[in-house]
Each structure stands twice: as C-alpha cells, then as structure tokens.
C-alpha cells in the first residue's frame, strides 16, 4: 500500500471555526478576541483580515484601526477544543501513528479498504465524509443550544 503523510493545517483555526458557525461573515474579515477590551489581543485572524494588516497577537484596538470593518468575535475555547478532538478522531480512524502537537499523521492510505482502490475518487470520498462530519457536528451543536 502507498504511504501518505497527511498534515491537517486548519488555517487560522479559531477564526475558521467562527466563520463556519456564522455564514453571514463569509466575505468579511474576522478576528477572534474580546471585542469589549481594546487592549486585549487577537487570538486568530482569517486570511481576509490578515490581508488588511490584522495580525495574531496584535491588540484588538490596533486591529480595528487597521481594518474598521473587522468583525471581532469573543473566543469559545470549549468549542475549539471539541472540534480539534473531533478532527483528531477522524484522522485516527485512517492512521497508524500520529503527532498530536502538529496534527501530522502518517498512514498507509486506506482508500482501498474504506473507499475503494486508493484512487483520486477514494480520496475525494474521504474528504467529503470529513467535511460532512464537521458540518453535522456543527448543525447538531447549534440545534441543541
């Protein structure tokens, strides 16, 4: 079987989680931080915000000065941990060893067993299942809140 190294780089993870939870912010610059504390720091900024000069660890007030249309969302650490663990569990199903600190997974690609023939189609099925699982988890969480 083919050996594959997978790296799950969840770009600007906290900001990505918030943009996913708030579809109305899809095309807006988003940062995660405490909007009530201008001297607080930005924990994460989406690529749109970064393109406008907002950086991680900058002060919220400075970020808003650089990008007045920035949407600052209060962090939900419990949610980020929950989704991080979910992503880890999904990848653990397809791997034999992993590095927890960087979410790097080494695996014998298991498309032949799980999705058929290790083909590009099999890999697309894997990613669709992963995306569907994240979406279902988000929808279930929202409906129970």
Protein backbone atom coordinates (compact mmCIF):
# COMPACT_ATOMS: atom_id res chain seq x y z
CA UNK A 1 0.00 0.00 0.00
CA UNK A 2 1.04 3.57 -0.64
CA UNK A 3 2.41 5.54 2.33
CA UNK A 4 0.96 9.03 2.76
CA UNK A 5 1.86 11.81 5.16
CA UNK A 6 -1.14 13.98 5.99
CA UNK A 7 -0.93 17.41 7.58
CA UNK A 8 -4.15 18.99 8.79
CA UNK A 9 -3.41 22.71 8.70
CA UNK A 10 -6.65 24.22 9.91
CA UNK A 11 -5.74 27.70 8.75
CA UNK A 12 -6.41 30.32 11.43
CA UNK A 13 -8.37 27.62 13.25
CA UNK A 14 -10.33 29.77 15.74
CA UNK A 15 -11.30 32.27 13.04
CA UNK A 16 -12.19 29.45 10.64
CA UNK A 17 -14.46 27.87 13.26
CA UNK A 18 -16.23 31.20 13.79
CA UNK A 19 -16.65 31.86 10.07
CA UNK A 20 -18.09 28.37 9.70
CA UNK A 21 -20.51 28.99 12.59
CA UNK A 22 -21.52 32.41 11.19
CA UNK A 23 -22.13 32.14 7.43
CA UNK A 24 -23.08 35.83 7.37
CA UNK A 25 -19.36 36.60 7.91
CA UNK A 26 -18.22 34.53 4.92
CA UNK A 27 -16.91 37.53 2.97
CA UNK A 28 -15.94 39.69 5.96
CA UNK A 29 -12.64 39.99 7.82
CA UNK A 30 -12.97 38.13 11.10
CA UNK A 31 -10.75 38.01 14.18
CA UNK A 32 -11.16 36.15 17.45
CA UNK A 33 -10.58 38.23 20.56
CA UNK A 34 -12.51 40.07 23.25
CA UNK A 35 -14.40 42.86 21.47
CA UNK A 36 -15.01 44.68 24.76
CA UNK A 37 -11.27 45.02 25.54
CA UNK A 38 -9.44 47.21 23.05
CA UNK A 39 -6.16 46.37 24.80
CA UNK A 40 -6.85 42.62 24.54
CA UNK A 41 -5.12 40.58 21.85
CA UNK A 42 -6.26 38.98 18.63
CA UNK A 43 -6.03 35.21 19.08
CA UNK A 44 -6.64 34.43 15.40
CA UNK A 45 -7.45 36.32 12.22
CA UNK A 46 -8.85 34.95 8.98
CA UNK A 47 -6.94 35.41 5.71
CA UNK A 48 -9.19 38.36 4.72
CA UNK A 49 -8.30 40.15 7.97
CA UNK A 50 -4.61 39.30 7.57
CA UNK A 51 -4.65 40.78 4.07
CA UNK A 52 -5.84 44.04 5.64
CA UNK A 53 -2.98 44.11 8.15
CA UNK A 54 -4.50 42.35 11.15
CA UNK A 55 -2.02 40.01 12.81
CA UNK A 56 -2.29 37.39 15.53
CA UNK A 57 -1.28 38.84 18.93
CA UNK A 58 -1.95 42.43 17.84
CA UNK A 59 -4.18 44.47 20.13
CA UNK A 60 -7.88 44.47 19.25
CA UNK A 61 -7.91 48.27 19.12
CA UNK A 62 -4.95 48.34 16.71
CA UNK A 63 -6.58 45.67 14.55
CA UNK A 64 -9.80 47.71 14.33
CA UNK A 65 -7.78 50.81 13.43
CA UNK A 66 -6.13 48.92 10.55
CA UNK A 67 -9.38 47.27 9.47
CA UNK A 68 -12.51 49.20 10.58
CA UNK A 69 -14.83 46.58 9.04
CA UNK A 70 -13.23 43.81 11.15
CA UNK A 71 -15.71 41.57 12.97
CA UNK A 72 -14.25 40.66 16.37
CA UNK A 73 -15.79 37.58 17.96
CA UNK A 74 -15.35 36.50 21.58
CA UNK A 75 -13.40 33.20 21.78
CA UNK A 76 -15.20 29.93 22.56
CA UNK A 77 -12.33 27.74 23.73
CA UNK A 78 -14.56 24.79 24.59
CA UNK A 79 -15.84 24.70 21.02
CA UNK A 80 -12.33 24.89 19.56
CA UNK A 81 -11.17 22.01 21.75
CA UNK A 82 -14.26 19.97 20.83
CA UNK A 83 -13.66 20.41 17.09
CA UNK A 84 -9.93 19.79 17.42
CA UNK A 85 -10.62 16.49 19.17
CA UNK A 86 -13.21 15.59 16.52
CA UNK A 87 -10.69 16.23 13.74
CA UNK A 88 -8.14 14.11 15.61
CA UNK A 89 -10.64 11.25 15.99
CA UNK A 90 -11.46 11.37 12.27
CA UNK A 91 -7.81 11.16 11.29
CA UNK A 92 -7.09 8.46 13.86
CA UNK A 93 -9.54 6.23 12.00
CA UNK A 94 -7.23 6.32 8.98
CA UNK A 95 -3.78 6.35 10.56
CA UNK A 96 -1.41 4.10 12.42
CA UNK A 97 0.70 6.80 14.14
CA UNK A 98 0.27 10.49 14.79
CA UNK A 99 1.94 13.54 16.25
CA UNK A 100 -0.56 15.30 18.47
CA UNK A 101 1.33 18.59 18.67
CA UNK A 102 1.22 19.37 14.96
CA UNK A 103 -1.62 17.19 13.75
CA UNK A 104 0.72 15.34 11.41
CA UNK A 105 -0.47 11.85 10.66
CA UNK A 106 1.49 9.08 8.98
CA UNK A 107 -0.63 6.39 7.47
CA UNK A 108 -0.91 3.64 4.98
CA UNK A 109 -3.57 5.28 2.88
CA UNK A 110 -6.63 3.17 3.47
CA UNK A 111 -8.76 4.10 0.49
CA UNK A 112 -8.66 0.51 -0.78
CA UNK A 113 -10.27 -0.69 2.43
CA UNK A 114 -12.55 2.25 3.21
CA UNK A 115 -13.44 3.85 -0.11
CA UNK A 116 -12.15 1.67 -2.88
CA UNK A 117 -8.92 1.37 -4.81
CA UNK A 118 -6.87 4.28 -3.33
CA UNK A 119 -7.89 6.39 -6.28
CA UNK A 120 -8.50 10.13 -6.52
CA UNK A 121 -12.19 9.26 -6.23
CA UNK A 122 -11.49 7.42 -2.96
CA UNK A 123 -9.60 10.41 -1.58
CA UNK A 124 -12.46 12.75 -2.57
CA UNK A 125 -14.90 10.45 -0.73
CA UNK A 126 -12.67 10.64 2.37
CA UNK A 127 -12.65 14.44 2.32
CA UNK A 128 -16.41 14.66 1.67
CA UNK A 129 -17.04 12.39 4.67
CA UNK A 130 -14.72 14.55 6.80
CA UNK A 131 -16.49 17.77 5.74
CA UNK A 132 -19.93 16.20 6.25
CA UNK A 133 -18.96 15.06 9.75
CA UNK A 134 -17.80 18.57 10.72
CA UNK A 135 -20.99 20.10 9.27
CA UNK A 136 -23.24 17.58 11.03
CA UNK A 137 -21.45 18.20 14.33
CA UNK A 138 -21.87 21.97 13.91
CA UNK A 139 -25.58 21.60 12.99
CA UNK A 140 -26.25 19.25 15.92
CA UNK A 141 -24.50 21.61 18.34
CA UNK A 142 -26.48 24.63 17.04
CA UNK A 143 -29.83 22.84 17.29
CA UNK A 144 -29.20 21.79 20.91
CA UNK A 145 -28.12 25.27 22.03
